[in-house]
Amino acid sequence: MEIRFACLQLPTKVEEPIHVRYTLSGADLVVGECTIPSGQSSCDSPPVTTLGWHWEANGLVAEQRTIQASAEDALLGNSDMITILPRPVVMVHGFSSSWQAWENYLGPQGL
């Protein structure tokens, strides 16, 4: 899935361009960027993929996250809490096989 970030609306228009970085809560990962042009008070990011956001770096599930907007190491704001759903895994056996090819991966000891 892809999304776009709309920078929070600043109270006044900026005199100089400001580079905004979007980071994922709980990670030092920059997930989007945009630049507020001179004379404007907001910007939109290019499309950003959300793949992998359901997992923390340590492998734990992160069902909810916030996005933080910052410029020049100053926090501009946070998004509301967003729910992150995992991507399903679809396992397809080969041409001359059956569902039983995946038996070792199923159940309490499997994936």
PDB file of N, CA and C in Angstrom:
ATOM      1  N   MET A   1       0.831  -1.176   0.000  1.00  0.00           N
ATOM      2  CA  MET A   1       0.000   0.000   0.000  1.00  0.00           C
ATOM      3  C   MET A   1       0.883   1.249   0.000  1.00  0.00           C
ATOM      4  N   GLU A   2       0.414   2.278  -0.656  1.00  0.00           N
ATOM      5  CA  GLU A   2       1.126   3.549  -0.658  1.00  0.00           C
ATOM      6  C   GLU A   2       0.226   4.635  -0.099  1.00  0.00           C
ATOM      7  N   ILE A   3       0.832   5.583   0.606  1.00  0.00           N
ATOM      8  CA  ILE A   3       0.098   6.723   1.127  1.00  0.00           C
ATOM      9  C   ILE A   3       0.884   7.990   0.835  1.00  0.00           C
ATOM     10  N   ARG A   4       0.249   9.125   1.025  1.00  0.00           N
ATOM     11  CA  ARG A   4       0.917  10.424   0.918  1.00  0.00           C
ATOM     12  C   ARG A   4       0.754  11.122   2.256  1.00  0.00           C
ATOM     13  N   PHE A   5       1.771  11.877   2.642  1.00  0.00           N
ATOM     14  CA  PHE A   5       1.682  12.676   3.858  1.00  0.00           C
ATOM     15  C   PHE A   5       1.408  14.111   3.469  1.00  0.00           C
ATOM     16  N   ALA A   6       0.497  14.716   4.153  1.00  0.00           N
ATOM     17  CA  ALA A   6       0.285  16.152   4.010  1.00  0.00           C
ATOM     18  C   ALA A   6       0.858  16.779   5.268  1.00  0.00           C
ATOM     19  N   CYS A   7       1.827  17.636   5.084  1.00  0.00           N
ATOM     20  CA  CYS A   7       2.464  18.279   6.225  1.00  0.00           C
ATOM     21  C   CYS A   7       1.401  18.999   7.030  1.00  0.00           C
ATOM     22  N   LEU A   8       1.556  18.988   8.333  1.00  0.00           N
ATOM     23  CA  LEU A   8       0.603  19.736   9.132  1.00  0.00           C
ATOM     24  C   LEU A   8       0.625  21.190   8.702  1.00  0.00           C
ATOM     25  N   GLN A   9      -0.472  21.822   8.788  1.00  0.00           N
ATOM     26  CA  GLN A   9      -0.603  23.217   8.357  1.00  0.00           C
ATOM     27  C   GLN A   9       0.095  24.119   9.361  1.00  0.00           C
ATOM     28  N   LEU A  10       1.146  24.784   8.928  1.00  0.00           N
ATOM     29  CA  LEU A  10       1.841  25.720   9.806  1.00  0.00           C
ATOM     30  C   LEU A  10       0.994  26.976   9.964  1.00  0.00           C
ATOM     31  N   PRO A  11       1.088  27.658  11.097  1.00  0.00           N
ATOM     32  CA  PRO A  11       0.226  28.826  11.336  1.00  0.00           C
ATOM     33  C   PRO A  11       0.508  29.998  10.398  1.00  0.00           C
ATOM     34  N   THR A  12       1.742  30.075   9.883  1.00  0.00           N
ATOM     35  CA  THR A  12       2.086  31.167   8.965  1.00  0.00           C
ATOM     36  C   THR A  12       2.853  30.605   7.777  1.00  0.00           C
ATOM     37  N   LYS A  13       2.887  31.362   6.714  1.00  0.00           N
ATOM     38  CA  LYS A  13       3.661  30.964   5.542  1.00  0.00           C
ATOM     39  C   LYS A  13       5.146  31.139   5.848  1.00  0.00           C
ATOM     40  N   VAL A  14       5.962  30.269   5.278  1.00  0.00           N
ATOM     41  CA  VAL A  14       7.395  30.319   5.543  1.00  0.00           C
ATOM     42  C   VAL A  14       8.082  31.288   4.578  1.00  0.00           C
ATOM     43  N   GLU A  15       9.118  31.931   5.060  1.00  0.00           N
ATOM     44  CA  GLU A  15       9.871  32.859   4.217  1.00  0.00           C
ATOM     45  C   GLU A  15      10.895  32.110   3.368  1.00  0.00           C
ATOM     46  N   GLU A  16      11.505  31.059   3.937  1.00  0.00           N
ATOM     47  CA  GLU A  16      12.487  30.230   3.244  1.00  0.00           C
ATOM     48  C   GLU A  16      11.938  28.810   3.163  1.00  0.00           C
ATOM     49  N   PRO A  17      12.310  28.039   2.141  1.00  0.00           N
ATOM     50  CA  PRO A  17      11.855  26.651   2.061  1.00  0.00           C
ATOM     51  C   PRO A  17      12.257  25.865   3.314  1.00  0.00           C
ATOM     52  N   ILE A  18      11.378  24.992   3.761  1.00  0.00           N
ATOM     53  CA  ILE A  18      11.646  24.145   4.927  1.00  0.00           C
ATOM     54  C   ILE A  18      11.487  22.682   4.508  1.00  0.00           C
ATOM     55  N   HIS A  19      12.522  21.883   4.770  1.00  0.00           N
ATOM     56  CA  HIS A  19      12.497  20.454   4.454  1.00  0.00           C
ATOM     57  C   HIS A  19      11.872  19.701   5.630  1.00  0.00           C
ATOM     58  N   VAL A  20      10.790  18.980   5.381  1.00  0.00           N
ATOM     59  CA  VAL A  20      10.069  18.235   6.419  1.00  0.00           C
ATOM     60  C   VAL A  20      10.351  16.752   6.240  1.00  0.00           C
ATOM     61  N   ARG A  21      10.698  16.088   7.350  1.00  0.00           N
ATOM     62  CA  ARG A  21      10.931  14.644   7.350  1.00  0.00           C
ATOM     63  C   ARG A  21       9.862  13.978   8.193  1.00  0.00           C
ATOM     64  N   TYR A  22       9.346  12.868   7.702  1.00  0.00           N
ATOM     65  CA  TYR A  22       8.356  12.078   8.428  1.00  0.00           C
ATOM     66  C   TYR A  22       9.025  10.800   8.908  1.00  0.00           C
ATOM     67  N   THR A  23       8.932  10.531  10.199  1.00  0.00           N
ATOM     68  CA  THR A  23       9.512   9.317  10.757  1.00  0.00           C
ATOM     69  C   THR A  23       8.431   8.498  11.428  1.00  0.00           C
ATOM     70  N   LEU A  24       8.670   7.212  11.487  1.00  0.00           N
ATOM     71  CA  LEU A  24       7.745   6.272  12.097  1.00  0.00           C
ATOM     72  C   LEU A  24       8.051   6.173  13.575  1.00  0.00           C
ATOM     73  N   SER A  25       7.035   6.284  14.424  1.00  0.00           N
ATOM     74  CA  SER A  25       7.260   6.184  15.869  1.00  0.00           C
ATOM     75  C   SER A  25       7.899   4.842  16.204  1.00  0.00           C
ATOM     76  N   GLY A  26       8.841   4.877  17.118  1.00  0.00           N
ATOM     77  CA  GLY A  26       9.509   3.654  17.540  1.00  0.00           C
ATOM     78  C   GLY A  26      10.624   3.220  16.599  1.00  0.00           C
ATOM     79  N   ALA A  27      10.945   4.019  15.599  1.00  0.00           N
ATOM     80  CA  ALA A  27      12.002   3.665  14.651  1.00  0.00           C
ATOM     81  C   ALA A  27      12.694   4.944  14.192  1.00  0.00           C
ATOM     82  N   ASP A  28      13.947   4.818  13.830  1.00  0.00           N
ATOM     83  CA  ASP A  28      14.677   5.961  13.292  1.00  0.00           C
ATOM     84  C   ASP A  28      14.603   5.972  11.773  1.00  0.00           C
ATOM     85  N   LEU A  29      13.515   5.469  11.253  1.00  0.00           N
ATOM     86  CA  LEU A  29      13.338   5.317   9.818  1.00  0.00           C
ATOM     87  C   LEU A  29      12.589   6.506   9.235  1.00  0.00           C
ATOM     88  N   VAL A  30      13.218   7.181   8.275  1.00  0.00           N
ATOM     89  CA  VAL A  30      12.532   8.262   7.563  1.00  0.00           C
ATOM     90  C   VAL A  30      11.623   7.598   6.538  1.00  0.00           C
ATOM     91  N   VAL A  31      10.315   7.850   6.646  1.00  0.00           N
ATOM     92  CA  VAL A  31       9.347   7.199   5.764  1.00  0.00           C
ATOM     93  C   VAL A  31       8.775   8.136   4.714  1.00  0.00           C
ATOM     94  N   GLY A  32       9.103   9.397   4.783  1.00  0.00           N
ATOM     95  CA  GLY A  32       8.627  10.347   3.795  1.00  0.00           C
ATOM     96  C   GLY A  32       9.274  11.697   3.990  1.00  0.00           C
ATOM     97  N   GLU A  33       9.265  12.486   2.943  1.00  0.00           N
ATOM     98  CA  GLU A  33       9.859  13.822   3.007  1.00  0.00           C
ATOM     99  C   GLU A  33       9.110  14.738   2.046  1.00  0.00           C
ATOM    100  N   CYS A  34       9.138  16.020   2.328  1.00  0.00           N
ATOM    101  CA  CYS A  34       8.646  17.024   1.404  1.00  0.00           C
ATOM    102  C   CYS A  34       9.251  18.368   1.795  1.00  0.00           C
ATOM    103  N   THR A  35       9.147  19.330   0.923  1.00  0.00           N
ATOM    104  CA  THR A  35       9.687  20.659   1.191  1.00  0.00           C
ATOM    105  C   THR A  35       8.566  21.678   1.086  1.00  0.00           C
ATOM    106  N   ILE A  36       8.413  22.469   2.141  1.00  0.00           N
ATOM    107  CA  ILE A  36       7.432  23.562   2.121  1.00  0.00           C
ATOM    108  C   ILE A  36       8.088  24.710   1.361  1.00  0.00           C
ATOM    109  N   PRO A  37       7.524  25.099   0.218  1.00  0.00           N
ATOM    110  CA  PRO A  37       8.145  26.175  -0.562  1.00  0.00           C
ATOM    111  C   PRO A  37       7.984  27.542   0.104  1.00  0.00           C
ATOM    112  N   SER A  38       8.831  28.477  -0.268  1.00  0.00           N
ATOM    113  CA  SER A  38       8.720  29.860   0.222  1.00  0.00           C
ATOM    114  C   SER A  38       7.322  30.382  -0.081  1.00  0.00           C
ATOM    115  N   GLY A  39       6.730  31.070   0.886  1.00  0.00           N
ATOM    116  CA  GLY A  39       5.414  31.647   0.705  1.00  0.00           C
ATOM    117  C   GLY A  39       4.265  30.678   0.914  1.00  0.00           C
ATOM    118  N   GLN A  40       4.552  29.446   1.316  1.00  0.00           N
ATOM    119  CA  GLN A  40       3.518  28.431   1.568  1.00  0.00           C
ATOM    120  C   GLN A  40       3.564  28.006   3.029  1.00  0.00           C
ATOM    121  N   SER A  41       2.558  27.246   3.455  1.00  0.00           N
ATOM    122  CA  SER A  41       2.527  26.786   4.843  1.00  0.00           C
ATOM    123  C   SER A  41       2.358  25.270   4.956  1.00  0.00           C
ATOM    124  N   SER A  42       2.408  24.538   3.816  1.00  0.00           N
ATOM    125  CA  SER A  42       2.295  23.083   3.857  1.00  0.00           C
ATOM    126  C   SER A  42       2.883  22.494   2.579  1.00  0.00           C
ATOM    127  N   CYS A  43       3.035  21.168   2.578  1.00  0.00           N
ATOM    128  CA  CYS A  43       3.525  20.451   1.403  1.00  0.00           C
ATOM    129  C   CYS A  43       2.964  19.036   1.427  1.00  0.00           C
ATOM    130  N   ASP A  44       3.015  18.359   0.294  1.00  0.00           N
ATOM    131  CA  ASP A  44       2.609  16.958   0.190  1.00  0.00           C
ATOM    132  C   ASP A  44       3.814  16.128  -0.203  1.00  0.00           C
ATOM    133  N   SER A  45       3.918  14.936   0.373  1.00  0.00           N
ATOM    134  CA  SER A  45       5.024  14.050   0.028  1.00  0.00           C
ATOM    135  C   SER A  45       4.671  13.264  -1.228  1.00  0.00           C
ATOM    136  N   PRO A  46       5.687  12.730  -1.906  1.00  0.00           N
ATOM    137  CA  PRO A  46       5.391  11.763  -2.958  1.00  0.00           C
ATOM    138  C   PRO A  46       4.810  10.509  -2.306  1.00  0.00           C
ATOM    139  N   PRO A  47       4.238   9.576  -3.087  1.00  0.00           N
ATOM    140  CA  PRO A  47       3.701   8.348  -2.474  1.00  0.00           C
ATOM    141  C   PRO A  47       4.771   7.608  -1.671  1.00  0.00           C
ATOM    142  N   VAL A  48       4.354   7.052  -0.541  1.00  0.00           N
ATOM    143  CA  VAL A  48       5.258   6.350   0.375  1.00  0.00           C
ATOM    144  C   VAL A  48       4.694   4.954   0.610  1.00  0.00           C
ATOM    145  N   THR A  49       5.538   3.924   0.505  1.00  0.00           N
ATOM    146  CA  THR A  49       5.076   2.564   0.765  1.00  0.00           C
ATOM    147  C   THR A  49       5.013   2.301   2.273  1.00  0.00           C
ATOM    148  N   THR A  50       4.043   1.513   2.694  1.00  0.00           N
ATOM    149  CA  THR A  50       3.872   1.202   4.111  1.00  0.00           C
ATOM    150  C   THR A  50       4.295  -0.232   4.436  1.00  0.00           C
ATOM    151  N   LEU A  51       4.934  -0.904   3.495  1.00  0.00           N
ATOM    152  CA  LEU A  51       5.342  -2.289   3.723  1.00  0.00           C
ATOM    153  C   LEU A  51       6.344  -2.378   4.859  1.00  0.00           C
ATOM    154  N   GLY A  52       6.124  -3.317   5.761  1.00  0.00           N
ATOM    155  CA  GLY A  52       7.033  -3.543   6.869  1.00  0.00           C
ATOM    156  C   GLY A  52       6.740  -2.727   8.111  1.00  0.00           C
ATOM    157  N   TRP A  53       5.768  -1.842   8.065  1.00  0.00           N
ATOM    158  CA  TRP A  53       5.479  -0.992   9.218  1.00  0.00           C
ATOM    159  C   TRP A  53       4.860  -1.770  10.374  1.00  0.00           C
ATOM    160  N   HIS A  54       4.358  -2.963  10.131  1.00  0.00           N
ATOM    161  CA  HIS A  54       3.702  -3.754  11.177  1.00  0.00           C
ATOM    162  C   HIS A  54       4.709  -4.351  12.156  1.00  0.00           C
ATOM    163  N   TRP A  55       5.980  -4.347  11.793  1.00  0.00           N
ATOM    164  CA  TRP A  55       7.008  -5.001  12.618  1.00  0.00           C
ATOM    165  C   TRP A  55       8.030  -4.005  13.117  1.00  0.00           C
ATOM    166  N   GLU A  56       8.423  -4.177  14.371  1.00  0.00           N
ATOM    167  CA  GLU A  56       9.512  -3.385  14.952  1.00  0.00           C
ATOM    168  C   GLU A  56      10.841  -4.006  14.502  1.00  0.00           C
ATOM    169  N   ALA A  57      11.925  -3.290  14.683  1.00  0.00           N
ATOM    170  CA  ALA A  57      13.247  -3.789  14.288  1.00  0.00           C
ATOM    171  C   ALA A  57      13.607  -5.083  15.027  1.00  0.00           C
ATOM    172  N   ASN A  58      13.097  -5.257  16.256  1.00  0.00           N
ATOM    173  CA  ASN A  58      13.397  -6.452  17.042  1.00  0.00           C
ATOM    174  C   ASN A  58      12.462  -7.619  16.723  1.00  0.00           C
ATOM    175  N   GLY A  59      11.590  -7.467  15.718  1.00  0.00           N
ATOM    176  CA  GLY A  59      10.694  -8.538  15.299  1.00  0.00           C
ATOM    177  C   GLY A  59       9.354  -8.562  16.006  1.00  0.00           C
ATOM    178  N   LEU A  60       9.123  -7.652  16.948  1.00  0.00           N
ATOM    179  CA  LEU A  60       7.844  -7.609  17.641  1.00  0.00           C
ATOM    180  C   LEU A  60       6.803  -6.878  16.807  1.00  0.00           C
ATOM    181  N   VAL A  61       5.546  -7.215  17.041  1.00  0.00           N
ATOM    182  CA  VAL A  61       4.438  -6.602  16.316  1.00  0.00           C
ATOM    183  C   VAL A  61       4.184  -5.192  16.845  1.00  0.00           C
ATOM    184  N   ALA A  62       3.942  -4.275  15.942  1.00  0.00           N
ATOM    185  CA  ALA A  62       3.565  -2.901  16.295  1.00  0.00           C
ATOM    186  C   ALA A  62       2.244  -2.603  15.590  1.00  0.00           C
ATOM    187  N   GLU A  63       1.136  -2.893  16.270  1.00  0.00           N
ATOM    188  CA  GLU A  63      -0.178  -2.749  15.635  1.00  0.00           C
ATOM    189  C   GLU A  63      -0.600  -1.304  15.458  1.00  0.00           C
ATOM    190  N   GLN A  64      -0.052  -0.413  16.258  1.00  0.00           N
ATOM    191  CA  GLN A  64      -0.404   0.993  16.136  1.00  0.00           C
ATOM    192  C   GLN A  64       0.865   1.834  16.140  1.00  0.00           C
ATOM    193  N   ARG A  65       0.853   2.864  15.322  1.00  0.00           N
ATOM    194  CA  ARG A  65       2.007   3.750  15.212  1.00  0.00           C
ATOM    195  C   ARG A  65       1.522   5.186  15.044  1.00  0.00           C
ATOM    196  N   THR A  66       2.440   6.110  15.209  1.00  0.00           N
ATOM    197  CA  THR A  66       2.195   7.500  14.840  1.00  0.00           C
ATOM    198  C   THR A  66       3.303   7.909  13.887  1.00  0.00           C
ATOM    199  N   ILE A  67       3.027   8.917  13.098  1.00  0.00           N
ATOM    200  CA  ILE A  67       4.015   9.491  12.197  1.00  0.00           C
ATOM    201  C   ILE A  67       4.396  10.843  12.782  1.00  0.00           C
ATOM    202  N   GLN A  68       5.693  11.110  12.862  1.00  0.00           N
ATOM    203  CA  GLN A  68       6.181  12.375  13.406  1.00  0.00           C
ATOM    204  C   GLN A  68       6.745  13.219  12.278  1.00  0.00           C
ATOM    205  N   ALA A  69       6.352  14.483  12.241  1.00  0.00           N
ATOM    206  CA  ALA A  69       6.881  15.424  11.257  1.00  0.00           C
ATOM    207  C   ALA A  69       7.889  16.317  11.961  1.00  0.00           C
ATOM    208  N   SER A  70       9.073  16.463  11.365  1.00  0.00           N
ATOM    209  CA  SER A  70      10.094  17.333  11.959  1.00  0.00           C
ATOM    210  C   SER A  70      10.829  18.083  10.861  1.00  0.00           C
ATOM    211  N   ALA A  71      11.406  19.207  11.250  1.00  0.00           N
ATOM    212  CA  ALA A  71      12.219  20.017  10.347  1.00  0.00           C
ATOM    213  C   ALA A  71      13.399  20.549  11.147  1.00  0.00           C
ATOM    214  N   GLU A  72      14.591  20.345  10.611  1.00  0.00           N
ATOM    215  CA  GLU A  72      15.800  20.815  11.280  1.00  0.00           C
ATOM    216  C   GLU A  72      15.847  20.362  12.743  1.00  0.00           C
ATOM    217  N   ASP A  73      15.559  19.086  12.976  1.00  0.00           N
ATOM    218  CA  ASP A  73      15.581  18.453  14.303  1.00  0.00           C
ATOM    219  C   ASP A  73      14.554  19.021  15.275  1.00  0.00           C
ATOM    220  N   ALA A  74      13.603  19.805  14.796  1.00  0.00           N
ATOM    221  CA  ALA A  74      12.518  20.322  15.644  1.00  0.00           C
ATOM    222  C   ALA A  74      11.237  19.579  15.286  1.00  0.00           C
ATOM    223  N   LEU A  75      10.578  19.028  16.287  1.00  0.00           N
ATOM    224  CA  LEU A  75       9.323  18.315  16.068  1.00  0.00           C
ATOM    225  C   LEU A  75       8.224  19.305  15.705  1.00  0.00           C
ATOM    226  N   LEU A  76       7.581  19.071  14.556  1.00  0.00           N
ATOM    227  CA  LEU A  76       6.477  19.932  14.127  1.00  0.00           C
ATOM    228  C   LEU A  76       5.128  19.384  14.587  1.00  0.00           C
ATOM    229  N   GLY A  77       5.035  18.066  14.730  1.00  0.00           N
ATOM    230  CA  GLY A  77       3.781  17.470  15.178  1.00  0.00           C
ATOM    231  C   GLY A  77       3.748  15.978  14.963  1.00  0.00           C
ATOM    232  N   ASN A  78       2.707  15.343  15.505  1.00  0.00           N
ATOM    233  CA  ASN A  78       2.466  13.911  15.384  1.00  0.00           C
ATOM    234  C   ASN A  78       1.123  13.670  14.729  1.00  0.00           C
ATOM    235  N   SER A  79       1.013  12.556  14.041  1.00  0.00           N
ATOM    236  CA  SER A  79      -0.275  12.154  13.489  1.00  0.00           C
ATOM    237  C   SER A  79      -1.124  11.550  14.608  1.00  0.00           C
ATOM    238  N   ASP A  80      -2.378  11.328  14.323  1.00  0.00           N
ATOM    239  CA  ASP A  80      -3.198  10.520  15.208  1.00  0.00           C
ATOM    240  C   ASP A  80      -2.648   9.101  15.166  1.00  0.00           C
ATOM    241  N   MET A  81      -3.026   8.278  16.116  1.00  0.00           N
ATOM    242  CA  MET A  81      -2.610   6.884  16.127  1.00  0.00           C
ATOM    243  C   MET A  81      -3.225   6.189  14.910  1.00  0.00           C
ATOM    244  N   ILE A  82      -2.408   5.452  14.172  1.00  0.00           N
ATOM    245  CA  ILE A  82      -2.904   4.708  13.018  1.00  0.00           C
ATOM    246  C   ILE A  82      -2.715   3.217  13.268  1.00  0.00           C
ATOM    247  N   THR A  83      -3.656   2.420  12.788  1.00  0.00           N
ATOM    248  CA  THR A  83      -3.590   0.971  12.932  1.00  0.00           C
ATOM    249  C   THR A  83      -2.860   0.404  11.723  1.00  0.00           C
ATOM    250  N   ILE A  84      -1.883  -0.448  11.981  1.00  0.00           N
ATOM    251  CA  ILE A  84      -1.073  -1.051  10.928  1.00  0.00           C
ATOM    252  C   ILE A  84      -1.426  -2.538  10.863  1.00  0.00           C
ATOM    253  N   LEU A  85      -1.888  -2.981   9.709  1.00  0.00           N
ATOM    254  CA  LEU A  85      -2.237  -4.384   9.520  1.00  0.00           C
ATOM    255  C   LEU A  85      -1.083  -5.129   8.859  1.00  0.00           C
ATOM    256  N   PRO A  86      -0.877  -6.406   9.221  1.00  0.00           N
ATOM    257  CA  PRO A  86       0.201  -7.172   8.588  1.00  0.00           C
ATOM    258  C   PRO A  86      -0.192  -7.565   7.166  1.00  0.00           C
ATOM    259  N   ARG A  87       0.805  -7.838   6.350  1.00  0.00           N
ATOM    260  CA  ARG A  87       0.547  -8.358   5.013  1.00  0.00           C
ATOM    261  C   ARG A  87       0.321  -9.846   5.124  1.00  0.00           C
ATOM    262  N   PRO A  88      -0.667 -10.357   4.424  1.00  0.00           N
ATOM    263  CA  PRO A  88      -0.869 -11.818   4.464  1.00  0.00           C
ATOM    264  C   PRO A  88       0.237 -12.526   3.686  1.00  0.00           C
ATOM    265  N   VAL A  89       0.484 -13.764   4.057  1.00  0.00           N
ATOM    266  CA  VAL A  89       1.438 -14.604   3.335  1.00  0.00           C
ATOM    267  C   VAL A  89       0.628 -15.661   2.606  1.00  0.00           C
ATOM    268  N   VAL A  90       0.785 -15.719   1.313  1.00  0.00           N
ATOM    269  CA  VAL A  90       0.092 -16.714   0.498  1.00  0.00           C
ATOM    270  C   VAL A  90       1.132 -17.722   0.044  1.00  0.00           C
ATOM    271  N   MET A  91       0.915 -18.973   0.431  1.00  0.00           N
ATOM    272  CA  MET A  91       1.857 -20.029   0.067  1.00  0.00           C
ATOM    273  C   MET A  91       1.238 -20.861  -1.050  1.00  0.00           C
ATOM    274  N   VAL A  92       1.941 -20.992  -2.161  1.00  0.00           N
ATOM    275  CA  VAL A  92       1.438 -21.727  -3.319  1.00  0.00           C
ATOM    276  C   VAL A  92       2.398 -22.867  -3.609  1.00  0.00           C
ATOM    277  N   HIS A  93       1.870 -24.076  -3.631  1.00  0.00           N
ATOM    278  CA  HIS A  93       2.708 -25.236  -3.923  1.00  0.00           C
ATOM    279  C   HIS A  93       2.976 -25.314  -5.424  1.00  0.00           C
ATOM    280  N   GLY A  94       3.914 -26.144  -5.795  1.00  0.00           N
ATOM    281  CA  GLY A  94       4.283 -26.303  -7.194  1.00  0.00           C
ATOM    282  C   GLY A  94       3.228 -27.029  -8.015  1.00  0.00           C
ATOM    283  N   PHE A  95       3.471 -27.150  -9.301  1.00  0.00           N
ATOM    284  CA  PHE A  95       2.523 -27.723 -10.264  1.00  0.00           C
ATOM    285  C   PHE A  95       2.115 -29.151  -9.916  1.00  0.00           C
ATOM    286  N   SER A  96       3.052 -29.976  -9.543  1.00  0.00           N
ATOM    287  CA  SER A  96       2.732 -31.386  -9.294  1.00  0.00           C
ATOM    288  C   SER A  96       2.674 -31.695  -7.796  1.00  0.00           C
ATOM    289  N   SER A  97       2.318 -30.726  -6.996  1.00  0.00           N
ATOM    290  CA  SER A  97       2.292 -30.894  -5.550  1.00  0.00           C
ATOM    291  C   SER A  97       0.884 -30.616  -5.027  1.00  0.00           C
ATOM    292  N   SER A  98       0.738 -30.602  -3.700  1.00  0.00           N
ATOM    293  CA  SER A  98      -0.561 -30.318  -3.082  1.00  0.00           C
ATOM    294  C   SER A  98      -0.336 -29.482  -1.821  1.00  0.00           C
ATOM    295  N   TRP A  99      -1.404 -29.195  -1.115  1.00  0.00           N
ATOM    296  CA  TRP A  99      -1.323 -28.423   0.120  1.00  0.00           C
ATOM    297  C   TRP A  99      -0.420 -29.103   1.146  1.00  0.00           C
ATOM    298  N   GLN A 100      -0.263 -30.422   1.038  1.00  0.00           N
ATOM    299  CA  GLN A 100       0.531 -31.173   2.004  1.00  0.00           C
ATOM    300  C   GLN A 100       2.020 -30.791   1.956  1.00  0.00           C
ATOM    301  N   ALA A 101       2.440 -30.126   0.887  1.00  0.00           N
ATOM    302  CA  ALA A 101       3.825 -29.676   0.801  1.00  0.00           C
ATOM    303  C   ALA A 101       4.147 -28.679   1.914  1.00  0.00           C
ATOM    304  N   TRP A 102       3.122 -28.044   2.450  1.00  0.00           N
ATOM    305  CA  TRP A 102       3.310 -27.017   3.478  1.00  0.00           C
ATOM    306  C   TRP A 102       3.023 -27.519   4.894  1.00  0.00           C
ATOM    307  N   GLU A 103       2.753 -28.806   5.063  1.00  0.00           N
ATOM    308  CA  GLU A 103       2.406 -29.349   6.375  1.00  0.00           C
ATOM    309  C   GLU A 103       3.453 -29.048   7.447  1.00  0.00           C
ATOM    310  N   ASN A 104       4.719 -29.091   7.108  1.00  0.00           N
ATOM    311  CA  ASN A 104       5.785 -28.822   8.084  1.00  0.00           C
ATOM    312  C   ASN A 104       5.765 -27.381   8.566  1.00  0.00           C
ATOM    313  N   TYR A 105       5.158 -26.481   7.789  1.00  0.00           N
ATOM    314  CA  TYR A 105       5.141 -25.067   8.135  1.00  0.00           C
ATOM    315  C   TYR A 105       3.880 -24.667   8.906  1.00  0.00           C
ATOM    316  N   LEU A 106       2.916 -25.540   8.987  1.00  0.00           N
ATOM    317  CA  LEU A 106       1.649 -25.239   9.630  1.00  0.00           C
ATOM    318  C   LEU A 106       1.644 -25.725  11.070  1.00  0.00           C
ATOM    319  N   GLY A 107       0.721 -25.227  11.858  1.00  0.00           N
ATOM    320  CA  GLY A 107       0.574 -25.680  13.227  1.00  0.00           C
ATOM    321  C   GLY A 107       1.439 -24.921  14.208  1.00  0.00           C
ATOM    322  N   PRO A 108       1.437 -25.357  15.496  1.00  0.00           N
ATOM    323  CA  PRO A 108       2.105 -24.605  16.555  1.00  0.00           C
ATOM    324  C   PRO A 108       3.629 -24.505  16.377  1.00  0.00           C
ATOM    325  N   GLN A 109       4.247 -25.469  15.726  1.00  0.00           N
ATOM    326  CA  GLN A 109       5.705 -25.416  15.556  1.00  0.00           C
ATOM    327  C   GLN A 109       6.108 -24.809  14.216  1.00  0.00           C
ATOM    328  N   GLY A 110       5.142 -24.481  13.400  1.00  0.00           N
ATOM    329  CA  GLY A 110       5.444 -23.931  12.077  1.00  0.00           C
ATOM    330  C   GLY A 110       5.415 -22.409  12.058  1.00  0.00           C
ATOM    331  N   LEU A 111       5.496 -21.872  10.873  1.00  0.00           N
ATOM    332  CA  LEU A 111       5.485 -20.430  10.702  1.00  0.00           C
ATOM    333  C   LEU A 111       4.121 -19.880  10.965  1.00  0.00           C
TER     334      LEU A 111
END
